[in-house]
C-alpha atoms as a PDB file:
ATOM      1  CA  MET A   1      -9.622   5.760  12.197  1.00  0.00           C
ATOM      2  CA  ASP A   2      -8.437   5.495  15.784  1.00  0.00           C
ATOM      3  CA  VAL A   3      -5.934   2.878  16.791  1.00  0.00           C
ATOM      4  CA  LYS A   4      -6.893   1.480  20.159  1.00  0.00           C
ATOM      5  CA  GLY A   5      -5.932  -1.265  22.592  1.00  0.00           C
ATOM      6  CA  ARG A   6      -2.942  -3.389  21.657  1.00  0.00           C
ATOM      7  CA  HIS A   7      -2.256  -1.316  18.542  1.00  0.00           C
ATOM      8  CA  CYS A   8      -1.517   1.742  20.612  1.00  0.00           C
ATOM      9  CA  LYS A   9       1.908   0.687  21.902  1.00  0.00           C
ATOM     10  CA  TYR A  10       3.291   0.324  18.370  1.00  0.00           C
ATOM     11  CA  CYS A  11       1.932   3.689  17.282  1.00  0.00           C
ATOM     12  CA  ILE A  12       3.269   5.454  20.370  1.00  0.00           C
ATOM     13  CA  CYS A  13       6.723   4.012  19.708  1.00  0.00           C
ATOM     14  CA  ILE A  14       6.633   4.952  16.015  1.00  0.00           C
ATOM     15  CA  GLU A  15       5.326   8.482  16.776  1.00  0.00           C
ATOM     16  CA  LYS A  16       8.543   9.092  18.700  1.00  0.00           C
ATOM     17  CA  MET A  17      10.536   8.102  15.613  1.00  0.00           C
ATOM     18  CA  THR A  18       8.710   9.812  12.749  1.00  0.00           C
ATOM     19  CA  SER A  19       5.481  11.404  11.615  1.00  0.00           C
ATOM     20  CA  TYR A  20       3.005   9.170   9.808  1.00  0.00           C
ATOM     21  CA  THR A  21      -0.598   8.873   8.724  1.00  0.00           C
ATOM     22  CA  LYS A  22      -3.027   5.944   8.956  1.00  0.00           C
ATOM     23  CA  ARG A  23      -5.365   4.487   6.358  1.00  0.00           C
ATOM     24  CA  SER A  24      -7.496   1.398   6.148  1.00  0.00           C
ATOM     25  CA  MET A  25      -5.535  -1.284   4.271  1.00  0.00           C
ATOM     26  CA  PHE A  26      -6.050  -5.029   3.802  1.00  0.00           C
ATOM     27  CA  GLY A  27      -8.648  -5.026   6.596  1.00  0.00           C
ATOM     28  CA  GLY A  28      -6.189  -3.461   9.032  1.00  0.00           C
ATOM     29  CA  ILE A  29      -4.469  -0.111   9.391  1.00  0.00           C
ATOM     30  CA  GLY A  30      -1.668   0.916   7.034  1.00  0.00           C
ATOM     31  CA  LEU A  31       1.000   3.287   8.392  1.00  0.00           C
ATOM     32  CA  PHE A  32       2.297   5.754   5.799  1.00  0.00           C
ATOM     33  CA  HIS A  33       5.251   8.113   5.834  1.00  0.00           C
ATOM     34  CA  GLY A  34       4.455  10.557   3.065  1.00  0.00           C
ATOM     35  CA  HIS A  35       2.643   8.451   0.497  1.00  0.00           C
ATOM     36  CA  ALA A  36       4.725   5.338   1.186  1.00  0.00           C
ATOM     37  CA  MET A  37       3.259   2.535   3.331  1.00  0.00           C
ATOM     38  CA  PHE A  38       5.881   1.084   5.673  1.00  0.00           C
ATOM     39  CA  ALA A  39       3.867  -0.972   8.175  1.00  0.00           C
ATOM     40  CA  LEU A  40       0.515  -2.647   8.690  1.00  0.00           C
ATOM     41  CA  ILE A  41      -1.335  -3.278  11.943  1.00  0.00           C
ATOM     42  CA  PHE A  42      -3.790  -6.165  11.701  1.00  0.00           C
ATOM     43  CA  GLU A  43      -5.596  -7.746  14.659  1.00  0.00           C
ATOM     44  CA  GLY A  44      -3.061  -6.437  17.183  1.00  0.00           C
ATOM     45  CA  ILE A  45      -0.008  -7.562  15.185  1.00  0.00           C
ATOM     46  CA  ILE A  46       2.402  -5.169  13.498  1.00  0.00           C
ATOM     47  CA  TYR A  47       3.903  -6.089  10.138  1.00  0.00           C
ATOM     48  CA  VAL A  48       6.805  -4.156   8.612  1.00  0.00           C
ATOM     49  CA  LYS A  49       7.631  -3.744   4.922  1.00  0.00           C
ATOM     50  CA  GLY A  50       9.947  -6.512   3.741  1.00  0.00           C
ATOM     51  CA  GLY A  51      12.804  -6.169   1.323  1.00  0.00           C
ATOM     52  CA  GLY A  52      15.882  -3.981   1.375  1.00  0.00           C
ATOM     53  CA  LYS A  53      17.904  -4.017   4.585  1.00  0.00           C
ATOM     54  CA  ASN A  54      15.152  -5.908   6.431  1.00  0.00           C
ATOM     55  CA  CYS A  55      15.506  -9.155   4.436  1.00  0.00           C
ATOM     56  CA  GLU A  56      18.228 -10.870   6.442  1.00  0.00           C
ATOM     57  CA  VAL A  57      16.900  -9.852   9.871  1.00  0.00           C
ATOM     58  CA  LEU A  58      13.365 -10.976   9.035  1.00  0.00           C
ATOM     59  CA  LYS A  59      14.722 -14.356   7.886  1.00  0.00           C
ATOM     60  CA  ARG A  60      16.995 -14.722  10.920  1.00  0.00           C
ATOM     61  CA  TYR A  61      14.118 -14.125  13.339  1.00  0.00           C
ATOM     62  CA  HIS A  62      11.666 -16.270  11.318  1.00  0.00           C
ATOM     63  CA  CYS A  63       9.187 -13.407  10.991  1.00  0.00           C
ATOM     64  CA  LYS A  64       6.022 -14.623   9.296  1.00  0.00           C
ATOM     65  CA  PRO A  65       4.596 -12.785   6.286  1.00  0.00           C
ATOM     66  CA  PHE A  66       1.150 -11.238   6.304  1.00  0.00           C
ATOM     67  CA  GLN A  67      -1.511 -13.455   4.732  1.00  0.00           C
ATOM     68  CA  HIS A  68      -4.281 -11.495   3.045  1.00  0.00           C
ATOM     69  CA  VAL A  69      -7.348 -13.755   3.137  1.00  0.00           C
ATOM     70  CA  LYS A  70     -10.050 -13.203   0.549  1.00  0.00           C
ATOM     71  CA  LYS A  71     -13.221 -15.220   0.022  1.00  0.00           C
ATOM     72  CA  ARG A  72     -11.641 -17.577  -2.500  1.00  0.00           C
ATOM     73  CA  SER A  73      -7.911 -17.108  -2.079  1.00  0.00           C
ATOM     74  CA  VAL A  74      -5.000 -16.261   0.197  1.00  0.00           C
ATOM     75  CA  ALA A  75      -2.205 -13.939  -0.901  1.00  0.00           C
ATOM     76  CA  THR A  76       1.114 -13.480   0.876  1.00  0.00           C
ATOM     77  CA  ILE A  77       2.018  -9.791   1.122  1.00  0.00           C
ATOM     78  CA  ASN A  78       5.558  -8.416   1.577  1.00  0.00           C
ATOM     79  CA  TYR A  79       4.962  -7.321   5.194  1.00  0.00           C
ATOM     80  CA  PHE A  80       6.321  -9.338   8.139  1.00  0.00           C
ATOM     81  CA  ASP A  81       5.234  -9.819  11.764  1.00  0.00           C
ATOM     82  CA  ILE A  82       7.664  -8.034  14.101  1.00  0.00           C
ATOM     83  CA  SER A  83       5.404  -7.956  17.181  1.00  0.00           C
ATOM     84  CA  ALA A  84       7.675 -10.267  19.195  1.00  0.00           C
ATOM     85  CA  LEU A  85      10.684  -8.077  18.412  1.00  0.00           C
ATOM     86  CA  TYR A  86       8.847  -5.089  19.875  1.00  0.00           C
ATOM     87  CA  GLU A  87       8.839  -6.927  23.222  1.00  0.00           C
ATOM     88  CA  GLN A  88      12.311  -8.491  22.937  1.00  0.00           C
ATOM     89  CA  ASP A  89      14.491  -5.805  21.345  1.00  0.00           C
ATOM     90  CA  GLN A  90      13.186  -2.233  21.002  1.00  0.00           C
ATOM     91  CA  ALA A  91      16.320  -1.064  19.196  1.00  0.00           C
ATOM     92  CA  LEU A  92      15.962  -3.776  16.553  1.00  0.00           C
ATOM     93  CA  PHE A  93      12.221  -3.071  16.252  1.00  0.00           C
ATOM     94  CA  LYS A  94      12.952   0.618  15.602  1.00  0.00           C
ATOM     95  CA  GLN A  95      15.657  -0.250  13.067  1.00  0.00           C
ATOM     96  CA  LEU A  96      13.231  -2.505  11.175  1.00  0.00           C
ATOM     97  CA  ILE A  97      10.671   0.313  11.088  1.00  0.00           C
ATOM     98  CA  THR A  98      13.297   2.763   9.800  1.00  0.00           C
ATOM     99  CA  ASN A  99      14.420   0.255   7.164  1.00  0.00           C
ATOM    100  CA  GLY A 100      10.766  -0.330   6.203  1.00  0.00           C
ATOM    101  CA  ILE A 101      10.294   3.394   5.635  1.00  0.00           C
ATOM    102  CA  ASP A 102      13.471   3.540   3.531  1.00  0.00           C
ATOM    103  CA  THR A 103      12.422   0.517   1.458  1.00  0.00           C
ATOM    104  CA  SER A 104       8.943   1.958   0.880  1.00  0.00           C
ATOM    105  CA  PHE A 105      10.424   5.240  -0.335  1.00  0.00           C
ATOM    106  CA  GLU A 106      12.882   3.415  -2.604  1.00  0.00           C
ATOM    107  CA  GLU A 107      10.087   1.353  -4.160  1.00  0.00           C
ATOM    108  CA  ARG A 108       7.923   4.433  -4.582  1.00  0.00           C
ATOM    109  CA  ALA A 109      10.817   6.298  -6.216  1.00  0.00           C
ATOM    110  CA  CYS A 110      11.359   3.315  -8.502  1.00  0.00           C
ATOM    111  CA  ARG A 111       7.680   3.402  -9.527  1.00  0.00           C
ATOM    112  CA  HIS A 112       7.996   7.164 -10.108  1.00  0.00           C
ATOM    113  CA  SER A 113      11.014   6.557 -12.325  1.00  0.00           C
ATOM    114  CA  LEU A 114       8.963   4.305 -14.576  1.00  0.00           C
ATOM    115  CA  LYS A 115       8.555   6.035 -17.871  1.00  0.00           C
ATOM    116  CA  ARG A 116       5.415   4.216 -18.899  1.00  0.00           C
ATOM    117  CA  LEU A 117       2.062   3.896 -17.143  1.00  0.00           C
ATOM    118  CA  ARG A 118       1.751   0.343 -18.457  1.00  0.00           C
ATOM    119  CA  ASP A 119       4.692  -0.694 -16.248  1.00  0.00           C
ATOM    120  CA  LEU A 120       2.565  -0.197 -13.108  1.00  0.00           C
ATOM    121  CA  PRO A 121       0.765  -3.211 -11.581  1.00  0.00           C
ATOM    122  CA  ASN A 122      -2.586  -4.018 -13.265  1.00  0.00           C
ATOM    123  CA  MET A 123      -1.834  -1.765 -16.223  1.00  0.00           C
ATOM    124  CA  GLN A 124      -1.308  -2.562 -19.890  1.00  0.00           C
ATOM    125  CA  LEU A 125      -0.937  -0.741 -23.192  1.00  0.00           C
ATOM    126  CA  ARG A 126      -4.722  -0.389 -23.700  1.00  0.00           C
ATOM    127  CA  LEU A 127      -5.157   1.268 -20.284  1.00  0.00           C
ATOM    128  CA  GLU A 128      -2.127   3.488 -20.839  1.00  0.00           C
ATOM    129  CA  ARG A 129      -3.719   4.760 -24.061  1.00  0.00           C
ATOM    130  CA  MET A 130      -7.023   5.384 -22.262  1.00  0.00           C
ATOM    131  CA  LEU A 131      -5.224   7.347 -19.556  1.00  0.00           C
ATOM    132  CA  LYS A 132      -3.281   9.491 -22.014  1.00  0.00           C
ATOM    133  CA  LYS A 133      -6.455  10.246 -23.992  1.00  0.00           C
ATOM    134  CA  SER A 134      -8.028  11.302 -20.667  1.00  0.00           C
ATOM    135  CA  GLY A 135      -5.158  13.686 -19.899  1.00  0.00           C
ATOM    136  CA  VAL A 136      -3.113  11.508 -17.508  1.00  0.00           C
ATOM    137  CA  LYS A 137       0.304  11.887 -19.096  1.00  0.00           C
ATOM    138  CA  ASP A 138       2.702   9.982 -16.819  1.00  0.00           C
ATOM    139  CA  VAL A 139       3.211   7.919 -13.653  1.00  0.00           C
ATOM    140  CA  SER A 140       3.805  10.981 -11.489  1.00  0.00           C
ATOM    141  CA  MET A 141       0.529  12.580 -12.544  1.00  0.00           C
ATOM    142  CA  PHE A 142      -1.259   9.238 -12.102  1.00  0.00           C
ATOM    143  CA  GLU A 143      -0.075   8.942  -8.486  1.00  0.00           C
ATOM    144  CA  ASP A 144      -0.736  12.624  -7.733  1.00  0.00           C
ATOM    145  CA  LEU A 145      -4.352  12.323  -8.910  1.00  0.00           C
ATOM    146  CA  GLY A 146      -4.934   9.062  -7.030  1.00  0.00           C
ATOM    147  CA  ALA A 147      -7.182   6.193  -8.089  1.00  0.00           C
ATOM    148  CA  VAL A 148     -10.436   8.145  -7.743  1.00  0.00           C
ATOM    149  CA  GLY A 149      -9.134  11.217  -9.565  1.00  0.00           C
ATOM    150  CA  VAL A 150      -7.821   9.116 -12.451  1.00  0.00           C
ATOM    151  CA  PHE A 151     -11.044   7.119 -12.632  1.00  0.00           C
ATOM    152  CA  LYS A 152     -13.108  10.326 -12.815  1.00  0.00           C
ATOM    153  CA  LYS A 153     -10.971  11.660 -15.678  1.00  0.00           C
ATOM    154  CA  VAL A 154     -11.282   8.400 -17.626  1.00  0.00           C
ATOM    155  CA  LYS A 155     -15.027   8.192 -16.954  1.00  0.00           C
ATOM    156  CA  LYS A 156     -15.475  11.780 -18.189  1.00  0.00           C
ATOM    157  CA  THR A 157     -13.647  10.899 -21.409  1.00  0.00           C
ATOM    158  CA  TYR A 158     -15.291   7.521 -22.046  1.00  0.00           C
ATOM    159  CA  GLN A 159     -18.715   8.157 -20.418  1.00  0.00           C
ATOM    160  CA  GLU A 160     -20.715   4.964 -19.792  1.00  0.00           C
ATOM    161  CA  ASP A 161     -18.162   2.551 -21.294  1.00  0.00           C
ATOM    162  CA  ILE A 162     -16.182   2.326 -18.029  1.00  0.00           C
ATOM    163  CA  ASP A 163     -16.419  -0.668 -15.672  1.00  0.00           C
ATOM    164  CA  ILE A 164     -15.887  -0.130 -11.923  1.00  0.00           C
ATOM    165  CA  THR A 165     -13.114  -2.765 -12.026  1.00  0.00           C
ATOM    166  CA  LEU A 166     -10.991  -0.037 -13.563  1.00  0.00           C
ATOM    167  CA  LEU A 167     -11.126   1.857 -10.253  1.00  0.00           C
ATOM    168  CA  TRP A 168      -9.786  -1.221  -8.423  1.00  0.00           C
ATOM    169  CA  LYS A 169      -7.009  -1.582 -11.022  1.00  0.00           C
ATOM    170  CA  PHE A 170      -5.978   2.048 -10.539  1.00  0.00           C
ATOM    171  CA  ALA A 171      -5.997   1.677  -6.739  1.00  0.00           C
ATOM    172  CA  GLY A 172      -3.886  -1.484  -6.976  1.00  0.00           C
ATOM    173  CA  ALA A 173      -1.445   0.250  -9.328  1.00  0.00           C
ATOM    174  CA  ILE A 174      -0.926   3.022  -6.785  1.00  0.00           C
ATOM    175  CA  LEU A 175      -0.574   0.555  -3.890  1.00  0.00           C
ATOM    176  CA  GLY A 176       1.741  -1.718  -5.888  1.00  0.00           C
ATOM    177  CA  CYS A 177      -0.504  -4.790  -5.689  1.00  0.00           C
ATOM    178  CA  HIS A 178      -2.895  -6.798  -7.839  1.00  0.00           C
ATOM    179  CA  TRP A 179      -6.378  -5.279  -7.862  1.00  0.00           C
ATOM    180  CA  SER A 180      -7.959  -8.499  -6.548  1.00  0.00           C
ATOM    181  CA  LEU A 181      -6.183  -7.940  -3.198  1.00  0.00           C
ATOM    182  CA  ILE A 182      -8.224  -4.831  -2.449  1.00  0.00           C
ATOM    183  CA  ARG A 183     -10.706  -5.647   0.318  1.00  0.00           C
ATOM    184  CA  GLU A 184     -14.426  -4.873   0.164  1.00  0.00           C
ATOM    185  CA  GLU A 185     -14.133  -2.149   2.845  1.00  0.00           C
ATOM    186  CA  GLU A 186     -11.456  -0.392   0.808  1.00  0.00           C
ATOM    187  CA  LYS A 187     -13.583  -0.678  -2.327  1.00  0.00           C
ATOM    188  CA  SER A 188     -16.526   0.846  -0.468  1.00  0.00           C
ATOM    189  CA  ALA A 189     -14.348   3.747   0.703  1.00  0.00           C
ATOM    190  CA  LEU A 190     -13.228   4.376  -2.887  1.00  0.00           C
ATOM    191  CA  LEU A 191     -16.800   4.225  -4.185  1.00  0.00           C
ATOM    192  CA  GLN A 192     -17.881   6.849  -1.656  1.00  0.00           C
ATOM    193  CA  GLN A 193     -15.364   9.272  -3.182  1.00  0.00           C
ATOM    194  CA  ILE A 194     -16.822   9.019  -6.696  1.00  0.00           C
END
């Protein structure tokens, strides 16, 4: 997916700092370093991953969190608007991006250090047992296979007894969010891979 118009300035700046990839996320464009999402561009606004070293700065500058709007609900996501800081203080903007990358990697490493699949978001003991019976032994293998790969393995093992909601749960577990936050466009993209 191309990033055009107002998005371009953020991407050009970040390209000078690090390599990254883009994927459709929450109706916008997620920026990933490795497999870790560190920023989100939505309607011309850039949001950086909160937490870690970014906490105090984001509070000090009153950066607003991203609101993921669904048909029946609104969820606040741990990404914060730093668009104004891009204009006001390039050095601070770059530091927030760097910190966002670091925080994303730390969280991903923490998820990788989980010993049990049921500790991931959306998962429970029943799903962990299903995964192990399907050959998905641990969190690392789960993330390496991805939501679609895991879903295919489980579907092969359990045949017709599998509901598509399971695919959304696996995708949410990998992204670190509740499955209900996955937008319809993202669901469609996942379905096309099955």
